[in-house]
Amino acid sequence: MEPNKIIRGSLSTVILQLLQQNGRMYGYEMTKAVKDGSKGKMQITEAALYPALHKLEEAGLLDTDSELVDGRMRKYYKLNRRGKKESALQLSALQESIASLQKIMKYKLKHG
């Protein structure tokens, strides 16, 4: 399976965890963190990232602020209290799913 397909299904968890670990970030930083953190094996496109960020913002999990950088406005995202809680919940759920998948991969039928 293509690594990017895996990350797409967990995109909100990835975003929340990046913000949990790094604090305030802007979109390009997030795409770079995923690419660099996976040694280029996984990438998030801006076309996938920004709709996911807007959903998380609309859900009340992120706070935003803008700053003028090199003559351009840059929008920063950070977790608020609800976002921190949700980040922990989603990480736990993802870890449980991974553990279950690992068990399934090792499962052998017991023949009577």
PDB file of N, CA and C in Angstrom:
ATOM      1  N   MET A   1       0.852  -1.188   0.000  1.00  0.00           N
ATOM      2  CA  MET A   1       0.000   0.000   0.000  1.00  0.00           C
ATOM      3  C   MET A   1       0.889   1.239   0.000  1.00  0.00           C
ATOM      4  N   GLU A   2       0.475   2.187  -0.744  1.00  0.00           N
ATOM      5  CA  GLU A   2       1.203   3.449  -0.847  1.00  0.00           C
ATOM      6  C   GLU A   2       1.148   4.194   0.496  1.00  0.00           C
ATOM      7  N   PRO A   3       2.310   4.613   1.046  1.00  0.00           N
ATOM      8  CA  PRO A   3       2.328   5.296   2.345  1.00  0.00           C
ATOM      9  C   PRO A   3       1.410   6.514   2.420  1.00  0.00           C
ATOM     10  N   ASN A   4       1.267   7.275   1.325  1.00  0.00           N
ATOM     11  CA  ASN A   4       0.409   8.462   1.364  1.00  0.00           C
ATOM     12  C   ASN A   4      -1.053   8.109   1.576  1.00  0.00           C
ATOM     13  N   LYS A   5      -1.488   6.921   1.138  1.00  0.00           N
ATOM     14  CA  LYS A   5      -2.871   6.504   1.380  1.00  0.00           C
ATOM     15  C   LYS A   5      -3.102   6.264   2.868  1.00  0.00           C
ATOM     16  N   ILE A   6      -2.098   5.742   3.524  1.00  0.00           N
ATOM     17  CA  ILE A   6      -2.204   5.501   4.965  1.00  0.00           C
ATOM     18  C   ILE A   6      -2.331   6.822   5.716  1.00  0.00           C
ATOM     19  N   ILE A   7      -1.502   7.786   5.369  1.00  0.00           N
ATOM     20  CA  ILE A   7      -1.515   9.063   6.084  1.00  0.00           C
ATOM     21  C   ILE A   7      -2.812   9.829   5.838  1.00  0.00           C
ATOM     22  N   ARG A   8      -3.397   9.695   4.650  1.00  0.00           N
ATOM     23  CA  ARG A   8      -4.656  10.404   4.352  1.00  0.00           C
ATOM     24  C   ARG A   8      -5.760   9.997   5.318  1.00  0.00           C
ATOM     25  N   GLY A   9      -5.803   8.723   5.678  1.00  0.00           N
ATOM     26  CA  GLY A   9      -6.824   8.243   6.602  1.00  0.00           C
ATOM     27  C   GLY A   9      -6.611   8.707   8.027  1.00  0.00           C
ATOM     28  N   SER A  10      -5.426   9.190   8.319  1.00  0.00           N
ATOM     29  CA  SER A  10      -5.083   9.638   9.668  1.00  0.00           C
ATOM     30  C   SER A  10      -4.675  11.108   9.689  1.00  0.00           C
ATOM     31  N   LEU A  11      -5.083  11.846   8.688  1.00  0.00           N
ATOM     32  CA  LEU A  11      -4.596  13.213   8.519  1.00  0.00           C
ATOM     33  C   LEU A  11      -4.897  14.112   9.712  1.00  0.00           C
ATOM     34  N   SER A  12      -6.107  14.046  10.245  1.00  0.00           N
ATOM     35  CA  SER A  12      -6.415  14.928  11.379  1.00  0.00           C
ATOM     36  C   SER A  12      -5.545  14.571  12.582  1.00  0.00           C
ATOM     37  N   THR A  13      -5.305  13.278  12.803  1.00  0.00           N
ATOM     38  CA  THR A  13      -4.439  12.858  13.908  1.00  0.00           C
ATOM     39  C   THR A  13      -3.018  13.361  13.687  1.00  0.00           C
ATOM     40  N   VAL A  14      -2.525  13.259  12.469  1.00  0.00           N
ATOM     41  CA  VAL A  14      -1.176  13.735  12.142  1.00  0.00           C
ATOM     42  C   VAL A  14      -1.075  15.239  12.405  1.00  0.00           C
ATOM     43  N   ILE A  15      -2.047  15.992  11.942  1.00  0.00           N
ATOM     44  CA  ILE A  15      -2.036  17.449  12.145  1.00  0.00           C
ATOM     45  C   ILE A  15      -2.057  17.781  13.633  1.00  0.00           C
ATOM     46  N   LEU A  16      -2.974  17.155  14.359  1.00  0.00           N
ATOM     47  CA  LEU A  16      -3.079  17.430  15.792  1.00  0.00           C
ATOM     48  C   LEU A  16      -1.786  17.083  16.518  1.00  0.00           C
ATOM     49  N   GLN A  17      -1.166  15.970  16.152  1.00  0.00           N
ATOM     50  CA  GLN A  17       0.089  15.579  16.797  1.00  0.00           C
ATOM     51  C   GLN A  17       1.242  16.517  16.441  1.00  0.00           C
ATOM     52  N   LEU A  18       1.300  16.952  15.194  1.00  0.00           N
ATOM     53  CA  LEU A  18       2.335  17.925  14.821  1.00  0.00           C
ATOM     54  C   LEU A  18       2.209  19.188  15.662  1.00  0.00           C
ATOM     55  N   LEU A  19       0.982  19.653  15.824  1.00  0.00           N
ATOM     56  CA  LEU A  19       0.757  20.862  16.617  1.00  0.00           C
ATOM     57  C   LEU A  19       1.014  20.604  18.100  1.00  0.00           C
ATOM     58  N   GLN A  20       0.690  19.417  18.578  1.00  0.00           N
ATOM     59  CA  GLN A  20       0.956  19.053  19.973  1.00  0.00           C
ATOM     60  C   GLN A  20       2.468  19.078  20.241  1.00  0.00           C
ATOM     61  N   GLN A  21       3.233  18.539  19.314  1.00  0.00           N
ATOM     62  CA  GLN A  21       4.685  18.434  19.489  1.00  0.00           C
ATOM     63  C   GLN A  21       5.423  19.747  19.219  1.00  0.00           C
ATOM     64  N   ASN A  22       4.912  20.542  18.303  1.00  0.00           N
ATOM     65  CA  ASN A  22       5.652  21.719  17.841  1.00  0.00           C
ATOM     66  C   ASN A  22       5.027  23.053  18.197  1.00  0.00           C
ATOM     67  N   GLY A  23       3.826  23.032  18.748  1.00  0.00           N
ATOM     68  CA  GLY A  23       3.164  24.295  19.074  1.00  0.00           C
ATOM     69  C   GLY A  23       2.607  24.954  17.826  1.00  0.00           C
ATOM     70  N   ARG A  24       2.832  26.213  17.695  1.00  0.00           N
ATOM     71  CA  ARG A  24       2.301  27.031  16.600  1.00  0.00           C
ATOM     72  C   ARG A  24       3.028  26.714  15.295  1.00  0.00           C
ATOM     73  N   MET A  25       2.262  26.401  14.242  1.00  0.00           N
ATOM     74  CA  MET A  25       2.850  26.076  12.937  1.00  0.00           C
ATOM     75  C   MET A  25       1.982  26.652  11.827  1.00  0.00           C
ATOM     76  N   TYR A  26       2.591  26.859  10.665  1.00  0.00           N
ATOM     77  CA  TYR A  26       1.828  27.223   9.474  1.00  0.00           C
ATOM     78  C   TYR A  26       1.849  26.038   8.520  1.00  0.00           C
ATOM     79  N   GLY A  27       0.994  26.084   7.516  1.00  0.00           N
ATOM     80  CA  GLY A  27       0.776  24.936   6.642  1.00  0.00           C
ATOM     81  C   GLY A  27       2.022  24.351   6.023  1.00  0.00           C
ATOM     82  N   TYR A  28       2.865  25.196   5.447  1.00  0.00           N
ATOM     83  CA  TYR A  28       4.069  24.675   4.791  1.00  0.00           C
ATOM     84  C   TYR A  28       4.969  23.944   5.785  1.00  0.00           C
ATOM     85  N   GLU A  29       5.045  24.451   7.018  1.00  0.00           N
ATOM     86  CA  GLU A  29       5.842  23.766   8.046  1.00  0.00           C
ATOM     87  C   GLU A  29       5.322  22.355   8.283  1.00  0.00           C
ATOM     88  N   MET A  30       4.005  22.207   8.264  1.00  0.00           N
ATOM     89  CA  MET A  30       3.412  20.885   8.485  1.00  0.00           C
ATOM     90  C   MET A  30       3.749  19.934   7.345  1.00  0.00           C
ATOM     91  N   THR A  31       3.614  20.417   6.106  1.00  0.00           N
ATOM     92  CA  THR A  31       3.927  19.542   4.969  1.00  0.00           C
ATOM     93  C   THR A  31       5.401  19.152   5.003  1.00  0.00           C
ATOM     94  N   LYS A  32       6.260  20.080   5.359  1.00  0.00           N
ATOM     95  CA  LYS A  32       7.697  19.804   5.442  1.00  0.00           C
ATOM     96  C   LYS A  32       8.002  18.836   6.584  1.00  0.00           C
ATOM     97  N   ALA A  33       7.337  18.991   7.716  1.00  0.00           N
ATOM     98  CA  ALA A  33       7.562  18.105   8.863  1.00  0.00           C
ATOM     99  C   ALA A  33       7.209  16.660   8.519  1.00  0.00           C
ATOM    100  N   VAL A  34       6.107  16.466   7.802  1.00  0.00           N
ATOM    101  CA  VAL A  34       5.712  15.110   7.406  1.00  0.00           C
ATOM    102  C   VAL A  34       6.735  14.526   6.437  1.00  0.00           C
ATOM    103  N   LYS A  35       7.114  15.305   5.460  1.00  0.00           N
ATOM    104  CA  LYS A  35       8.083  14.823   4.465  1.00  0.00           C
ATOM    105  C   LYS A  35       9.432  14.521   5.115  1.00  0.00           C
ATOM    106  N   ASP A  36       9.930  15.464   5.917  1.00  0.00           N
ATOM    107  CA  ASP A  36      11.226  15.275   6.564  1.00  0.00           C
ATOM    108  C   ASP A  36      11.179  14.161   7.609  1.00  0.00           C
ATOM    109  N   GLY A  37      10.096  14.130   8.393  1.00  0.00           N
ATOM    110  CA  GLY A  37       9.960  13.124   9.446  1.00  0.00           C
ATOM    111  C   GLY A  37       9.850  11.705   8.917  1.00  0.00           C
ATOM    112  N   SER A  38       9.355  11.563   7.696  1.00  0.00           N
ATOM    113  CA  SER A  38       9.216  10.232   7.084  1.00  0.00           C
ATOM    114  C   SER A  38      10.345   9.953   6.092  1.00  0.00           C
ATOM    115  N   LYS A  39      11.344  10.829   6.091  1.00  0.00           N
ATOM    116  CA  LYS A  39      12.469  10.715   5.145  1.00  0.00           C
ATOM    117  C   LYS A  39      11.978  10.639   3.699  1.00  0.00           C
ATOM    118  N   GLY A  40      10.943  11.423   3.408  1.00  0.00           N
ATOM    119  CA  GLY A  40      10.433  11.536   2.046  1.00  0.00           C
ATOM    120  C   GLY A  40       9.456  10.456   1.626  1.00  0.00           C
ATOM    121  N   LYS A  41       9.145   9.518   2.514  1.00  0.00           N
ATOM    122  CA  LYS A  41       8.244   8.416   2.147  1.00  0.00           C
ATOM    123  C   LYS A  41       6.776   8.810   2.198  1.00  0.00           C
ATOM    124  N   MET A  42       6.464   9.843   2.974  1.00  0.00           N
ATOM    125  CA  MET A  42       5.084  10.318   3.081  1.00  0.00           C
ATOM    126  C   MET A  42       5.059  11.818   2.836  1.00  0.00           C
ATOM    127  N   GLN A  43       3.980  12.260   2.205  1.00  0.00           N
ATOM    128  CA  GLN A  43       3.810  13.683   1.943  1.00  0.00           C
ATOM    129  C   GLN A  43       2.345  14.057   2.106  1.00  0.00           C
ATOM    130  N   ILE A  44       2.129  15.286   2.524  1.00  0.00           N
ATOM    131  CA  ILE A  44       0.778  15.849   2.577  1.00  0.00           C
ATOM    132  C   ILE A  44       0.758  16.981   1.563  1.00  0.00           C
ATOM    133  N   THR A  45      -0.189  16.938   0.656  1.00  0.00           N
ATOM    134  CA  THR A  45      -0.319  18.037  -0.299  1.00  0.00           C
ATOM    135  C   THR A  45      -1.102  19.173   0.354  1.00  0.00           C
ATOM    136  N   GLU A  46      -0.904  20.365  -0.155  1.00  0.00           N
ATOM    137  CA  GLU A  46      -1.674  21.499   0.340  1.00  0.00           C
ATOM    138  C   GLU A  46      -3.157  21.296   0.067  1.00  0.00           C
ATOM    139  N   ALA A  47      -3.474  20.613  -1.029  1.00  0.00           N
ATOM    140  CA  ALA A  47      -4.877  20.346  -1.380  1.00  0.00           C
ATOM    141  C   ALA A  47      -5.552  19.458  -0.345  1.00  0.00           C
ATOM    142  N   ALA A  48      -4.798  18.627   0.344  1.00  0.00           N
ATOM    143  CA  ALA A  48      -5.355  17.789   1.409  1.00  0.00           C
ATOM    144  C   ALA A  48      -5.258  18.491   2.761  1.00  0.00           C
ATOM    145  N   LEU A  49      -4.166  19.203   2.977  1.00  0.00           N
ATOM    146  CA  LEU A  49      -3.908  19.814   4.277  1.00  0.00           C
ATOM    147  C   LEU A  49      -4.898  20.909   4.642  1.00  0.00           C
ATOM    148  N   TYR A  50      -5.095  21.882   3.754  1.00  0.00           N
ATOM    149  CA  TYR A  50      -5.890  23.047   4.136  1.00  0.00           C
ATOM    150  C   TYR A  50      -7.364  22.734   4.402  1.00  0.00           C
ATOM    151  N   PRO A  51      -8.017  21.875   3.629  1.00  0.00           N
ATOM    152  CA  PRO A  51      -9.388  21.504   4.009  1.00  0.00           C
ATOM    153  C   PRO A  51      -9.441  20.809   5.382  1.00  0.00           C
ATOM    154  N   ALA A  52      -8.433  19.989   5.679  1.00  0.00           N
ATOM    155  CA  ALA A  52      -8.391  19.318   6.984  1.00  0.00           C
ATOM    156  C   ALA A  52      -8.181  20.332   8.104  1.00  0.00           C
ATOM    157  N   LEU A  53      -7.312  21.301   7.888  1.00  0.00           N
ATOM    158  CA  LEU A  53      -7.105  22.354   8.886  1.00  0.00           C
ATOM    159  C   LEU A  53      -8.383  23.152   9.113  1.00  0.00           C
ATOM    160  N   HIS A  54      -9.086  23.482   8.033  1.00  0.00           N
ATOM    161  CA  HIS A  54     -10.332  24.244   8.169  1.00  0.00           C
ATOM    162  C   HIS A  54     -11.381  23.444   8.930  1.00  0.00           C
ATOM    163  N   LYS A  55     -11.451  22.139   8.694  1.00  0.00           N
ATOM    164  CA  LYS A  55     -12.395  21.288   9.438  1.00  0.00           C
ATOM    165  C   LYS A  55     -12.066  21.292  10.927  1.00  0.00           C
ATOM    166  N   LEU A  56     -10.790  21.155  11.251  1.00  0.00           N
ATOM    167  CA  LEU A  56     -10.376  21.155  12.654  1.00  0.00           C
ATOM    168  C   LEU A  56     -10.643  22.511  13.301  1.00  0.00           C
ATOM    169  N   GLU A  57     -10.452  23.567  12.547  1.00  0.00           N
ATOM    170  CA  GLU A  57     -10.726  24.915  13.047  1.00  0.00           C
ATOM    171  C   GLU A  57     -12.226  25.093  13.288  1.00  0.00           C
ATOM    172  N   GLU A  58     -13.042  24.649  12.334  1.00  0.00           N
ATOM    173  CA  GLU A  58     -14.501  24.746  12.480  1.00  0.00           C
ATOM    174  C   GLU A  58     -15.008  23.902  13.642  1.00  0.00           C
ATOM    175  N   ALA A  59     -14.321  22.800  13.931  1.00  0.00           N
ATOM    176  CA  ALA A  59     -14.705  21.930  15.042  1.00  0.00           C
ATOM    177  C   ALA A  59     -14.295  22.523  16.392  1.00  0.00           C
ATOM    178  N   GLY A  60     -13.620  23.665  16.365  1.00  0.00           N
ATOM    179  CA  GLY A  60     -13.238  24.335  17.605  1.00  0.00           C
ATOM    180  C   GLY A  60     -12.012  23.741  18.275  1.00  0.00           C
ATOM    181  N   LEU A  61     -11.143  23.083  17.489  1.00  0.00           N
ATOM    182  CA  LEU A  61      -9.962  22.436  18.058  1.00  0.00           C
ATOM    183  C   LEU A  61      -8.684  23.256  17.888  1.00  0.00           C
ATOM    184  N   LEU A  62      -8.728  24.234  16.988  1.00  0.00           N
ATOM    185  CA  LEU A  62      -7.545  25.037  16.688  1.00  0.00           C
ATOM    186  C   LEU A  62      -7.822  26.514  16.883  1.00  0.00           C
ATOM    187  N   ASP A  63      -6.801  27.221  17.301  1.00  0.00           N
ATOM    188  CA  ASP A  63      -6.816  28.676  17.300  1.00  0.00           C
ATOM    189  C   ASP A  63      -5.863  29.116  16.193  1.00  0.00           C
ATOM    190  N   THR A  64      -6.146  30.255  15.607  1.00  0.00           N
ATOM    191  CA  THR A  64      -5.296  30.754  14.525  1.00  0.00           C
ATOM    192  C   THR A  64      -4.926  32.208  14.768  1.00  0.00           C
ATOM    193  N   ASP A  65      -3.821  32.596  14.187  1.00  0.00           N
ATOM    194  CA  ASP A  65      -3.460  34.006  14.129  1.00  0.00           C
ATOM    195  C   ASP A  65      -2.634  34.203  12.871  1.00  0.00           C
ATOM    196  N   SER A  66      -2.582  35.424  12.418  1.00  0.00           N
ATOM    197  CA  SER A  66      -1.852  35.732  11.189  1.00  0.00           C
ATOM    198  C   SER A  66      -0.739  36.714  11.487  1.00  0.00           C
ATOM    199  N   GLU A  67       0.303  36.614  10.686  1.00  0.00           N
ATOM    200  CA  GLU A  67       1.474  37.456  10.876  1.00  0.00           C
ATOM    201  C   GLU A  67       2.038  37.820   9.508  1.00  0.00           C
ATOM    202  N   LEU A  68       2.499  39.034   9.382  1.00  0.00           N
ATOM    203  CA  LEU A  68       3.127  39.475   8.139  1.00  0.00           C
ATOM    204  C   LEU A  68       4.580  39.002   8.130  1.00  0.00           C
ATOM    205  N   VAL A  69       4.927  38.177   7.145  1.00  0.00           N
ATOM    206  CA  VAL A  69       6.286  37.638   7.008  1.00  0.00           C
ATOM    207  C   VAL A  69       6.743  37.874   5.575  1.00  0.00           C
ATOM    208  N   ASP A  70       7.840  38.581   5.423  1.00  0.00           N
ATOM    209  CA  ASP A  70       8.377  38.885   4.088  1.00  0.00           C
ATOM    210  C   ASP A  70       7.323  39.478   3.158  1.00  0.00           C
ATOM    211  N   GLY A  71       6.505  40.379   3.695  1.00  0.00           N
ATOM    212  CA  GLY A  71       5.502  41.060   2.890  1.00  0.00           C
ATOM    213  C   GLY A  71       4.253  40.254   2.601  1.00  0.00           C
ATOM    214  N   ARG A  72       4.149  39.051   3.187  1.00  0.00           N
ATOM    215  CA  ARG A  72       2.963  38.202   2.953  1.00  0.00           C
ATOM    216  C   ARG A  72       2.358  37.797   4.291  1.00  0.00           C
ATOM    217  N   MET A  73       1.038  37.673   4.302  1.00  0.00           N
ATOM    218  CA  MET A  73       0.365  37.219   5.515  1.00  0.00           C
ATOM    219  C   MET A  73       0.516  35.707   5.627  1.00  0.00           C
ATOM    220  N   ARG A  74       0.902  35.254   6.809  1.00  0.00           N
ATOM    221  CA  ARG A  74       1.050  33.826   7.068  1.00  0.00           C
ATOM    222  C   ARG A  74       0.107  33.452   8.207  1.00  0.00           C
ATOM    223  N   LYS A  75      -0.692  32.421   7.984  1.00  0.00           N
ATOM    224  CA  LYS A  75      -1.649  31.975   8.987  1.00  0.00           C
ATOM    225  C   LYS A  75      -1.038  30.844   9.805  1.00  0.00           C
ATOM    226  N   TYR A  76      -1.043  31.029  11.115  1.00  0.00           N
ATOM    227  CA  TYR A  76      -0.509  30.036  12.038  1.00  0.00           C
ATOM    228  C   TYR A  76      -1.651  29.322  12.750  1.00  0.00           C
ATOM    229  N   TYR A  77      -1.425  28.059  13.035  1.00  0.00           N
ATOM    230  CA  TYR A  77      -2.405  27.226  13.728  1.00  0.00           C
ATOM    231  C   TYR A  77      -1.782  26.720  15.017  1.00  0.00           C
ATOM    232  N   LYS A  78      -2.608  26.608  16.058  1.00  0.00           N
ATOM    233  CA  LYS A  78      -2.151  25.987  17.300  1.00  0.00           C
ATOM    234  C   LYS A  78      -3.342  25.329  17.979  1.00  0.00           C
ATOM    235  N   LEU A  79      -3.039  24.341  18.794  1.00  0.00           N
ATOM    236  CA  LEU A  79      -4.099  23.643  19.513  1.00  0.00           C
ATOM    237  C   LEU A  79      -4.608  24.511  20.652  1.00  0.00           C
ATOM    238  N   ASN A  80      -5.908  24.464  20.855  1.00  0.00           N
ATOM    239  CA  ASN A  80      -6.474  25.062  22.055  1.00  0.00           C
ATOM    240  C   ASN A  80      -6.726  23.914  23.048  1.00  0.00           C
ATOM    241  N   ARG A  81      -7.369  24.192  24.148  1.00  0.00           N
ATOM    242  CA  ARG A  81      -7.589  23.164  25.174  1.00  0.00           C
ATOM    243  C   ARG A  81      -8.353  21.960  24.613  1.00  0.00           C
ATOM    244  N   ARG A  82      -9.417  22.223  23.869  1.00  0.00           N
ATOM    245  CA  ARG A  82     -10.191  21.119  23.263  1.00  0.00           C
ATOM    246  C   ARG A  82      -9.345  20.337  22.268  1.00  0.00           C
ATOM    247  N   GLY A  83      -8.521  21.046  21.516  1.00  0.00           N
ATOM    248  CA  GLY A  83      -7.651  20.407  20.540  1.00  0.00           C
ATOM    249  C   GLY A  83      -6.636  19.488  21.196  1.00  0.00           C
ATOM    250  N   LYS A  84      -6.104  19.907  22.339  1.00  0.00           N
ATOM    251  CA  LYS A  84      -5.141  19.071  23.066  1.00  0.00           C
ATOM    252  C   LYS A  84      -5.799  17.785  23.546  1.00  0.00           C
ATOM    253  N   LYS A  85      -7.030  17.911  24.034  1.00  0.00           N
ATOM    254  CA  LYS A  85      -7.775  16.719  24.476  1.00  0.00           C
ATOM    255  C   LYS A  85      -8.037  15.783  23.300  1.00  0.00           C
ATOM    256  N   GLU A  86      -8.505  16.359  22.203  1.00  0.00           N
ATOM    257  CA  GLU A  86      -8.823  15.571  21.009  1.00  0.00           C
ATOM    258  C   GLU A  86      -7.568  14.926  20.430  1.00  0.00           C
ATOM    259  N   SER A  87      -6.461  15.630  20.488  1.00  0.00           N
ATOM    260  CA  SER A  87      -5.192  15.088  20.009  1.00  0.00           C
ATOM    261  C   SER A  87      -4.837  13.816  20.767  1.00  0.00           C
ATOM    262  N   ALA A  88      -4.967  13.849  22.082  1.00  0.00           N
ATOM    263  CA  ALA A  88      -4.668  12.671  22.906  1.00  0.00           C
ATOM    264  C   ALA A  88      -5.621  11.524  22.587  1.00  0.00           C
ATOM    265  N   LEU A  89      -6.908  11.837  22.417  1.00  0.00           N
ATOM    266  CA  LEU A  89      -7.894  10.799  22.096  1.00  0.00           C
ATOM    267  C   LEU A  89      -7.614  10.157  20.744  1.00  0.00           C
ATOM    268  N   GLN A  90      -7.336  10.979  19.741  1.00  0.00           N
ATOM    269  CA  GLN A  90      -7.078  10.440  18.401  1.00  0.00           C
ATOM    270  C   GLN A  90      -5.784   9.635  18.354  1.00  0.00           C
ATOM    271  N   LEU A  91      -4.761  10.082  19.079  1.00  0.00           N
ATOM    272  CA  LEU A  91      -3.510   9.330  19.107  1.00  0.00           C
ATOM    273  C   LEU A  91      -3.728   7.971  19.749  1.00  0.00           C
ATOM    274  N   SER A  92      -4.461   7.940  20.841  1.00  0.00           N
ATOM    275  CA  SER A  92      -4.758   6.678  21.520  1.00  0.00           C
ATOM    276  C   SER A  92      -5.531   5.731  20.604  1.00  0.00           C
ATOM    277  N   ALA A  93      -6.529   6.253  19.905  1.00  0.00           N
ATOM    278  CA  ALA A  93      -7.323   5.430  18.985  1.00  0.00           C
ATOM    279  C   ALA A  93      -6.458   4.894  17.848  1.00  0.00           C
ATOM    280  N   LEU A  94      -5.571   5.724  17.320  1.00  0.00           N
ATOM    281  CA  LEU A  94      -4.686   5.287  16.240  1.00  0.00           C
ATOM    282  C   LEU A  94      -3.729   4.207  16.732  1.00  0.00           C
ATOM    283  N   GLN A  95      -3.182   4.385  17.926  1.00  0.00           N
ATOM    284  CA  GLN A  95      -2.277   3.379  18.486  1.00  0.00           C
ATOM    285  C   GLN A  95      -2.996   2.049  18.704  1.00  0.00           C
ATOM    286  N   GLU A  96      -4.242   2.100  19.168  1.00  0.00           N
ATOM    287  CA  GLU A  96      -5.039   0.876  19.335  1.00  0.00           C
ATOM    288  C   GLU A  96      -5.278   0.203  17.995  1.00  0.00           C
ATOM    289  N   SER A  97      -5.573   0.982  16.975  1.00  0.00           N
ATOM    290  CA  SER A  97      -5.795   0.424  15.634  1.00  0.00           C
ATOM    291  C   SER A  97      -4.531  -0.240  15.102  1.00  0.00           C
ATOM    292  N   ILE A  98      -3.396   0.397  15.298  1.00  0.00           N
ATOM    293  CA  ILE A  98      -2.128  -0.175  14.845  1.00  0.00           C
ATOM    294  C   ILE A  98      -1.844  -1.476  15.581  1.00  0.00           C
ATOM    295  N   ALA A  99      -2.072  -1.493  16.890  1.00  0.00           N
ATOM    296  CA  ALA A  99      -1.851  -2.711  17.676  1.00  0.00           C
ATOM    297  C   ALA A  99      -2.766  -3.836  17.192  1.00  0.00           C
ATOM    298  N   SER A 100      -4.021  -3.510  16.901  1.00  0.00           N
ATOM    299  CA  SER A 100      -4.959  -4.519  16.393  1.00  0.00           C
ATOM    300  C   SER A 100      -4.517  -5.044  15.035  1.00  0.00           C
ATOM    301  N   LEU A 101      -4.079  -4.163  14.161  1.00  0.00           N
ATOM    302  CA  LEU A 101      -3.590  -4.586  12.845  1.00  0.00           C
ATOM    303  C   LEU A 101      -2.380  -5.497  12.975  1.00  0.00           C
ATOM    304  N   GLN A 102      -1.490  -5.185  13.902  1.00  0.00           N
ATOM    305  CA  GLN A 102      -0.319  -6.031  14.109  1.00  0.00           C
ATOM    306  C   GLN A 102      -0.732  -7.424  14.575  1.00  0.00           C
ATOM    307  N   LYS A 103      -1.738  -7.506  15.436  1.00  0.00           N
ATOM    308  CA  LYS A 103      -2.233  -8.810  15.896  1.00  0.00           C
ATOM    309  C   LYS A 103      -2.865  -9.586  14.748  1.00  0.00           C
ATOM    310  N   ILE A 104      -3.626  -8.890  13.920  1.00  0.00           N
ATOM    311  CA  ILE A 104      -4.265  -9.545  12.773  1.00  0.00           C
ATOM    312  C   ILE A 104      -3.204 -10.106  11.838  1.00  0.00           C
ATOM    313  N   MET A 105      -2.149  -9.355  11.609  1.00  0.00           N
ATOM    314  CA  MET A 105      -1.089  -9.795  10.692  1.00  0.00           C
ATOM    315  C   MET A 105      -0.375 -11.044  11.196  1.00  0.00           C
ATOM    316  N   LYS A 106      -0.396 -11.255  12.508  1.00  0.00           N
ATOM    317  CA  LYS A 106       0.288 -12.412  13.103  1.00  0.00           C
ATOM    318  C   LYS A 106      -0.666 -13.561  13.427  1.00  0.00           C
ATOM    319  N   TYR A 107      -1.947 -13.366  13.177  1.00  0.00           N
ATOM    320  CA  TYR A 107      -2.959 -14.340  13.580  1.00  0.00           C
ATOM    321  C   TYR A 107      -2.851 -15.631  12.770  1.00  0.00           C
ATOM    322  N   LYS A 108      -2.906 -16.727  13.488  1.00  0.00           N
ATOM    323  CA  LYS A 108      -2.921 -18.042  12.843  1.00  0.00           C
ATOM    324  C   LYS A 108      -4.131 -18.802  13.361  1.00  0.00           C
ATOM    325  N   LEU A 109      -4.822 -19.458  12.451  1.00  0.00           N
ATOM    326  CA  LEU A 109      -5.961 -20.282  12.845  1.00  0.00           C
ATOM    327  C   LEU A 109      -5.477 -21.468  13.662  1.00  0.00           C
ATOM    328  N   LYS A 110      -6.278 -21.821  14.641  1.00  0.00           N
ATOM    329  CA  LYS A 110      -5.967 -23.006  15.444  1.00  0.00           C
ATOM    330  C   LYS A 110      -6.800 -24.151  14.906  1.00  0.00           C
ATOM    331  N   HIS A 111      -6.152 -25.169  14.427  1.00  0.00           N
ATOM    332  CA  HIS A 111      -6.857 -26.329  13.882  1.00  0.00           C
ATOM    333  C   HIS A 111      -7.000 -27.364  14.975  1.00  0.00           C
ATOM    334  N   GLY A 112      -8.262 -27.768  15.193  1.00  0.00           N
ATOM    335  CA  GLY A 112      -8.678 -28.670  16.230  1.00  0.00           C
ATOM    336  C   GLY A 112      -7.957 -29.891  16.401  1.00  0.00           C
TER     337      GLY A 112
END
